[in-house]
Amino acid sequence: MRRLPEQFLWGAASAASQYEGGYLDDGRGLSTADVLPLGRVRMDLCRGRFDYHTLPEGTVYPSREATDFYHHWKEDIALMAEQGLKCYRFSFSWTRIFPTGEEKLPNESGLAFYEQVVDELLRHHIEPVVTLCHFDLPLTLEQKYGGWADRRTIDAFLRYCETVLTRFKGKVRYWITFNEINMILHMPFVGAGLRFRE
């Protein structure tokens, strides 16, 4: 059996909305993922055909806690290293850096969190591969502008990109802009913050 090339990146992947938790910690704002409920209406909302404002009190939102990487990142990365991972593809939560998407200056606590994560990965010789937008548009941009249907969301995304690409220059070599952009066709609320208003 042939060996994989030495530079082959064998690893794991996650998304902030699936893994990170800590949904309001240290100044993070709400994202579209934070209003996706557990239960039968979840897919209707993902498809943009349900108003999350009508969800009853006591609704469970899985991404708000997820697996709580936010509070366990160091031990989780140690487990990745123990498994021999060479890379870790994960996403930055846009709202951890720009809570509403509209701030002129980033949330330093959010940037510092991701800097700790990236530094710890590099310390363990794990290549960070960062996705910029993985199903978690700032909820404010969905509420005010209808998500990606409006140019102001694009401008906000450019500010976010410039901020993180500058901050992590020399530390993160591999960037992915959007995860599964085709989801706009199947789940427009998840993929782009789009809802179909009656």
C-alpha atoms as a PDB file:
ATOM      1  CA  MET A   1       0.000   0.000   0.000  1.00  0.00           C
ATOM      2  CA  ARG A   2       1.330   3.426  -0.966  1.00  0.00           C
ATOM      3  CA  ARG A   3       1.917   5.982   1.776  1.00  0.00           C
ATOM      4  CA  LEU A   4       0.176   9.340   1.753  1.00  0.00           C
ATOM      5  CA  PRO A   5       2.460  12.267   0.906  1.00  0.00           C
ATOM      6  CA  GLU A   6       4.147  13.824   3.945  1.00  0.00           C
ATOM      7  CA  GLN A   7       2.322  17.130   3.368  1.00  0.00           C
ATOM      8  CA  PHE A   8      -1.139  15.486   3.201  1.00  0.00           C
ATOM      9  CA  LEU A   9      -3.474  17.206   5.664  1.00  0.00           C
ATOM     10  CA  TRP A  10      -5.463  14.575   7.546  1.00  0.00           C
ATOM     11  CA  GLY A  11      -7.824  16.097  10.036  1.00  0.00           C
ATOM     12  CA  ALA A  12     -11.285  16.924  11.263  1.00  0.00           C
ATOM     13  CA  ALA A  13     -13.859  19.640  10.689  1.00  0.00           C
ATOM     14  CA  SER A  14     -16.561  21.488  12.572  1.00  0.00           C
ATOM     15  CA  ALA A  15     -18.591  24.693  12.446  1.00  0.00           C
ATOM     16  CA  ALA A  16     -18.955  27.279  15.183  1.00  0.00           C
ATOM     17  CA  SER A  17     -22.732  26.825  15.092  1.00  0.00           C
ATOM     18  CA  GLN A  18     -22.380  23.074  15.619  1.00  0.00           C
ATOM     19  CA  TYR A  19     -19.543  23.013  18.092  1.00  0.00           C
ATOM     20  CA  GLU A  20     -18.624  26.258  19.760  1.00  0.00           C
ATOM     21  CA  GLY A  21     -21.424  27.184  22.184  1.00  0.00           C
ATOM     22  CA  GLY A  22     -20.879  30.145  24.532  1.00  0.00           C
ATOM     23  CA  TYR A  23     -23.454  31.942  22.441  1.00  0.00           C
ATOM     24  CA  LEU A  24     -23.555  35.235  24.363  1.00  0.00           C
ATOM     25  CA  ASP A  25     -20.206  35.053  26.157  1.00  0.00           C
ATOM     26  CA  ASP A  26     -17.732  37.931  25.999  1.00  0.00           C
ATOM     27  CA  GLY A  27     -19.826  40.197  23.811  1.00  0.00           C
ATOM     28  CA  ARG A  28     -20.860  37.735  21.100  1.00  0.00           C
ATOM     29  CA  GLY A  29     -24.061  38.674  19.291  1.00  0.00           C
ATOM     30  CA  LEU A  30     -26.896  36.486  18.050  1.00  0.00           C
ATOM     31  CA  SER A  31     -26.560  34.714  14.707  1.00  0.00           C
ATOM     32  CA  THR A  32     -29.111  33.021  12.491  1.00  0.00           C
ATOM     33  CA  ALA A  33     -27.938  29.667  13.876  1.00  0.00           C
ATOM     34  CA  ASP A  34     -28.923  30.760  17.381  1.00  0.00           C
ATOM     35  CA  VAL A  35     -32.618  30.876  16.464  1.00  0.00           C
ATOM     36  CA  LEU A  36     -32.758  27.410  14.864  1.00  0.00           C
ATOM     37  CA  PRO A  37     -34.907  25.333  17.219  1.00  0.00           C
ATOM     38  CA  LEU A  38     -34.875  21.671  18.046  1.00  0.00           C
ATOM     39  CA  GLY A  39     -37.976  19.914  16.775  1.00  0.00           C
ATOM     40  CA  ARG A  40     -40.373  19.695  13.891  1.00  0.00           C
ATOM     41  CA  VAL A  41     -40.283  23.352  12.749  1.00  0.00           C
ATOM     42  CA  ARG A  42     -36.481  23.428  12.413  1.00  0.00           C
ATOM     43  CA  MET A  43     -36.486  22.482   8.728  1.00  0.00           C
ATOM     44  CA  ASP A  44     -39.281  24.941   7.940  1.00  0.00           C
ATOM     45  CA  LEU A  45     -37.167  27.717   9.431  1.00  0.00           C
ATOM     46  CA  CYS A  46     -34.032  26.495   7.615  1.00  0.00           C
ATOM     47  CA  ARG A  47     -36.010  26.746   4.389  1.00  0.00           C
ATOM     48  CA  GLY A  48     -37.076  30.301   5.218  1.00  0.00           C
ATOM     49  CA  ARG A  49     -40.747  29.396   5.633  1.00  0.00           C
ATOM     50  CA  PHE A  50     -41.224  29.893   9.365  1.00  0.00           C
ATOM     51  CA  ASP A  51     -40.963  33.006  11.543  1.00  0.00           C
ATOM     52  CA  TYR A  52     -38.665  32.310  14.496  1.00  0.00           C
ATOM     53  CA  HIS A  53     -40.316  35.174  16.400  1.00  0.00           C
ATOM     54  CA  THR A  54     -43.340  32.907  16.948  1.00  0.00           C
ATOM     55  CA  LEU A  55     -41.410  30.172  18.768  1.00  0.00           C
ATOM     56  CA  PRO A  56     -42.739  29.615  22.301  1.00  0.00           C
ATOM     57  CA  GLU A  57     -40.830  30.256  25.502  1.00  0.00           C
ATOM     58  CA  GLY A  58     -38.866  27.196  26.541  1.00  0.00           C
ATOM     59  CA  THR A  59     -37.824  26.313  22.967  1.00  0.00           C
ATOM     60  CA  VAL A  60     -34.474  24.505  22.831  1.00  0.00           C
ATOM     61  CA  TYR A  61     -31.785  25.953  20.533  1.00  0.00           C
ATOM     62  CA  PRO A  62     -28.977  23.377  20.120  1.00  0.00           C
ATOM     63  CA  SER A  63     -26.276  25.699  18.783  1.00  0.00           C
ATOM     64  CA  ARG A  64     -26.372  27.957  21.822  1.00  0.00           C
ATOM     65  CA  GLU A  65     -24.558  25.374  23.911  1.00  0.00           C
ATOM     66  CA  ALA A  66     -23.460  22.849  21.252  1.00  0.00           C
ATOM     67  CA  THR A  67     -20.490  20.866  22.605  1.00  0.00           C
ATOM     68  CA  ASP A  68     -19.109  23.939  24.389  1.00  0.00           C
ATOM     69  CA  PHE A  69     -15.776  24.233  22.606  1.00  0.00           C
ATOM     70  CA  TYR A  70     -15.728  27.842  23.815  1.00  0.00           C
ATOM     71  CA  HIS A  71     -15.008  26.653  27.347  1.00  0.00           C
ATOM     72  CA  HIS A  72     -13.120  23.440  26.488  1.00  0.00           C
ATOM     73  CA  TRP A  73     -10.986  24.409  23.489  1.00  0.00           C
ATOM     74  CA  LYS A  74      -7.658  23.613  25.116  1.00  0.00           C
ATOM     75  CA  GLU A  75      -8.580  20.068  26.120  1.00  0.00           C
ATOM     76  CA  ASP A  76     -10.348  19.466  22.798  1.00  0.00           C
ATOM     77  CA  ILE A  77      -7.235  20.489  20.876  1.00  0.00           C
ATOM     78  CA  ALA A  78      -5.137  18.214  23.083  1.00  0.00           C
ATOM     79  CA  LEU A  79      -7.429  15.339  22.065  1.00  0.00           C
ATOM     80  CA  MET A  80      -6.969  16.284  18.388  1.00  0.00           C
ATOM     81  CA  ALA A  81      -3.209  16.161  18.841  1.00  0.00           C
ATOM     82  CA  GLU A  82      -3.468  12.801  20.606  1.00  0.00           C
ATOM     83  CA  GLN A  83      -5.320  11.462  17.559  1.00  0.00           C
ATOM     84  CA  GLY A  84      -2.533  12.670  15.293  1.00  0.00           C
ATOM     85  CA  LEU A  85      -4.590  15.230  13.379  1.00  0.00           C
ATOM     86  CA  LYS A  86      -2.588  17.343  10.958  1.00  0.00           C
ATOM     87  CA  CYS A  87      -5.276  19.951  10.349  1.00  0.00           C
ATOM     88  CA  TYR A  88      -8.503  21.249  11.817  1.00  0.00           C
ATOM     89  CA  ARG A  89     -11.087  22.983   9.668  1.00  0.00           C
ATOM     90  CA  PHE A  90     -13.354  25.146  11.799  1.00  0.00           C
ATOM     91  CA  SER A  91     -15.248  28.366  11.403  1.00  0.00           C
ATOM     92  CA  PHE A  92     -15.021  31.702  13.113  1.00  0.00           C
ATOM     93  CA  SER A  93     -18.371  32.866  14.423  1.00  0.00           C
ATOM     94  CA  TRP A  94     -18.865  36.198  12.642  1.00  0.00           C
ATOM     95  CA  THR A  95     -20.923  37.504  15.596  1.00  0.00           C
ATOM     96  CA  ARG A  96     -18.139  36.771  18.047  1.00  0.00           C
ATOM     97  CA  ILE A  97     -16.033  39.328  16.158  1.00  0.00           C
ATOM     98  CA  PHE A  98     -18.763  41.724  14.982  1.00  0.00           C
ATOM     99  CA  PRO A  99     -21.791  41.100  17.268  1.00  0.00           C
ATOM    100  CA  THR A 100     -24.353  42.766  14.991  1.00  0.00           C
ATOM    101  CA  GLY A 101     -22.241  42.789  11.835  1.00  0.00           C
ATOM    102  CA  GLU A 102     -22.456  46.591  11.731  1.00  0.00           C
ATOM    103  CA  GLU A 103     -19.816  47.661  14.256  1.00  0.00           C
ATOM    104  CA  LYS A 104     -16.948  49.742  12.918  1.00  0.00           C
ATOM    105  CA  LEU A 105     -14.501  48.127  15.344  1.00  0.00           C
ATOM    106  CA  PRO A 106     -14.299  44.401  16.134  1.00  0.00           C
ATOM    107  CA  ASN A 107     -14.951  42.775  19.488  1.00  0.00           C
ATOM    108  CA  GLU A 108     -11.439  42.262  20.838  1.00  0.00           C
ATOM    109  CA  SER A 109     -12.577  39.426  23.122  1.00  0.00           C
ATOM    110  CA  GLY A 110     -13.726  37.454  20.086  1.00  0.00           C
ATOM    111  CA  LEU A 111     -10.482  37.989  18.217  1.00  0.00           C
ATOM    112  CA  ALA A 112      -8.475  37.054  21.315  1.00  0.00           C
ATOM    113  CA  PHE A 113     -10.444  33.812  21.669  1.00  0.00           C
ATOM    114  CA  TYR A 114      -9.674  32.725  18.113  1.00  0.00           C
ATOM    115  CA  GLU A 115      -6.046  33.792  18.511  1.00  0.00           C
ATOM    116  CA  GLN A 116      -5.728  31.446  21.506  1.00  0.00           C
ATOM    117  CA  VAL A 117      -7.291  28.618  19.496  1.00  0.00           C
ATOM    118  CA  VAL A 118      -5.046  29.183  16.476  1.00  0.00           C
ATOM    119  CA  ASP A 119      -1.930  29.468  18.627  1.00  0.00           C
ATOM    120  CA  GLU A 120      -2.792  26.252  20.461  1.00  0.00           C
ATOM    121  CA  LEU A 121      -3.367  24.404  17.197  1.00  0.00           C
ATOM    122  CA  LEU A 122      -0.015  25.584  15.868  1.00  0.00           C
ATOM    123  CA  ARG A 123       1.689  24.597  19.142  1.00  0.00           C
ATOM    124  CA  HIS A 124       0.450  21.048  18.487  1.00  0.00           C
ATOM    125  CA  HIS A 125       1.528  21.231  14.802  1.00  0.00           C
ATOM    126  CA  ILE A 126      -2.113  21.204  13.648  1.00  0.00           C
ATOM    127  CA  GLU A 127      -2.750  23.369  10.596  1.00  0.00           C
ATOM    128  CA  PRO A 128      -5.733  25.706  11.139  1.00  0.00           C
ATOM    129  CA  VAL A 129      -8.109  25.842   8.158  1.00  0.00           C
ATOM    130  CA  VAL A 130     -10.661  28.588   8.786  1.00  0.00           C
ATOM    131  CA  THR A 131     -14.093  29.000   7.223  1.00  0.00           C
ATOM    132  CA  LEU A 132     -15.309  32.588   7.350  1.00  0.00           C
ATOM    133  CA  CYS A 133     -19.037  31.924   7.081  1.00  0.00           C
ATOM    134  CA  HIS A 134     -20.539  28.562   7.980  1.00  0.00           C
ATOM    135  CA  PHE A 135     -24.300  29.047   8.411  1.00  0.00           C
ATOM    136  CA  ASP A 136     -24.127  31.829  11.000  1.00  0.00           C
ATOM    137  CA  LEU A 137     -24.941  35.250   9.598  1.00  0.00           C
ATOM    138  CA  PRO A 138     -25.363  38.006  12.230  1.00  0.00           C
ATOM    139  CA  LEU A 139     -29.058  38.009  13.113  1.00  0.00           C
ATOM    140  CA  THR A 140     -29.152  41.820  12.995  1.00  0.00           C
ATOM    141  CA  LEU A 141     -28.250  41.744   9.293  1.00  0.00           C
ATOM    142  CA  GLU A 142     -31.085  39.292   8.637  1.00  0.00           C
ATOM    143  CA  GLN A 143     -33.565  41.367  10.625  1.00  0.00           C
ATOM    144  CA  LYS A 144     -32.634  44.784   9.203  1.00  0.00           C
ATOM    145  CA  TYR A 145     -31.676  43.973   5.624  1.00  0.00           C
ATOM    146  CA  GLY A 146     -32.897  40.503   4.761  1.00  0.00           C
ATOM    147  CA  GLY A 147     -29.430  38.938   4.903  1.00  0.00           C
ATOM    148  CA  TRP A 148     -27.434  38.509   1.719  1.00  0.00           C
ATOM    149  CA  ALA A 149     -30.231  40.052  -0.346  1.00  0.00           C
ATOM    150  CA  ASP A 150     -28.853  43.491   0.575  1.00  0.00           C
ATOM    151  CA  ARG A 151     -25.544  45.150  -0.343  1.00  0.00           C
ATOM    152  CA  ARG A 152     -25.043  46.305   3.266  1.00  0.00           C
ATOM    153  CA  THR A 153     -24.545  42.667   4.313  1.00  0.00           C
ATOM    154  CA  ILE A 154     -21.822  42.318   1.684  1.00  0.00           C
ATOM    155  CA  ASP A 155     -20.107  45.453   2.999  1.00  0.00           C
ATOM    156  CA  ALA A 156     -20.287  44.086   6.558  1.00  0.00           C
ATOM    157  CA  PHE A 157     -18.773  40.793   5.389  1.00  0.00           C
ATOM    158  CA  LEU A 158     -15.909  42.594   3.680  1.00  0.00           C
ATOM    159  CA  ARG A 159     -15.120  44.470   6.910  1.00  0.00           C
ATOM    160  CA  TYR A 160     -15.162  41.172   8.822  1.00  0.00           C
ATOM    161  CA  CYS A 161     -12.893  39.493   6.231  1.00  0.00           C
ATOM    162  CA  GLU A 162     -10.393  42.342   6.214  1.00  0.00           C
ATOM    163  CA  THR A 163     -10.257  42.264  10.021  1.00  0.00           C
ATOM    164  CA  VAL A 164      -9.545  38.553  10.408  1.00  0.00           C
ATOM    165  CA  LEU A 165      -7.252  38.231   7.387  1.00  0.00           C
ATOM    166  CA  THR A 166      -5.144  41.071   8.771  1.00  0.00           C
ATOM    167  CA  ARG A 167      -5.164  39.786  12.359  1.00  0.00           C
ATOM    168  CA  PHE A 168      -4.235  36.194  11.451  1.00  0.00           C
ATOM    169  CA  LYS A 169      -1.779  36.916   8.661  1.00  0.00           C
ATOM    170  CA  GLY A 170       1.167  34.551   9.011  1.00  0.00           C
ATOM    171  CA  LYS A 171      -0.751  32.197  11.324  1.00  0.00           C
ATOM    172  CA  VAL A 172      -3.650  30.960   9.162  1.00  0.00           C
ATOM    173  CA  ARG A 173      -2.602  29.903   5.658  1.00  0.00           C
ATOM    174  CA  TYR A 174      -5.840  28.291   4.494  1.00  0.00           C
ATOM    175  CA  TRP A 175      -9.122  30.220   4.335  1.00  0.00           C
ATOM    176  CA  ILE A 176     -12.521  29.123   3.027  1.00  0.00           C
ATOM    177  CA  THR A 177     -15.054  31.863   2.335  1.00  0.00           C
ATOM    178  CA  PHE A 178     -18.408  30.025   2.545  1.00  0.00           C
ATOM    179  CA  ASN A 179     -19.329  26.499   3.527  1.00  0.00           C
ATOM    180  CA  GLU A 180     -21.755  24.833   1.103  1.00  0.00           C
ATOM    181  CA  ILE A 181     -22.905  27.963  -0.708  1.00  0.00           C
ATOM    182  CA  ASN A 182     -25.367  25.735  -2.580  1.00  0.00           C
ATOM    183  CA  MET A 183     -27.438  25.572   0.628  1.00  0.00           C
ATOM    184  CA  ILE A 184     -28.978  28.882  -0.437  1.00  0.00           C
ATOM    185  CA  LEU A 185     -31.063  26.778  -2.833  1.00  0.00           C
ATOM    186  CA  HIS A 186     -32.179  24.224  -0.234  1.00  0.00           C
ATOM    187  CA  MET A 187     -32.068  26.062   3.096  1.00  0.00           C
ATOM    188  CA  PRO A 188     -31.990  29.803   2.323  1.00  0.00           C
ATOM    189  CA  PHE A 189     -32.318  30.959   5.933  1.00  0.00           C
ATOM    190  CA  VAL A 190     -29.326  28.866   7.030  1.00  0.00           C
ATOM    191  CA  GLY A 191     -27.285  29.564   3.916  1.00  0.00           C
ATOM    192  CA  ALA A 192     -28.009  33.285   3.509  1.00  0.00           C
ATOM    193  CA  GLY A 193     -30.376  34.619   6.162  1.00  0.00           C
ATOM    194  CA  LEU A 194     -33.227  34.705   3.642  1.00  0.00           C
ATOM    195  CA  ARG A 195     -36.847  34.343   4.716  1.00  0.00           C
ATOM    196  CA  PHE A 196     -39.937  34.287   2.543  1.00  0.00           C
ATOM    197  CA  ARG A 197     -42.317  36.782   4.047  1.00  0.00           C
ATOM    198  CA  GLU A 198     -45.981  36.297   3.163  1.00  0.00           C
END
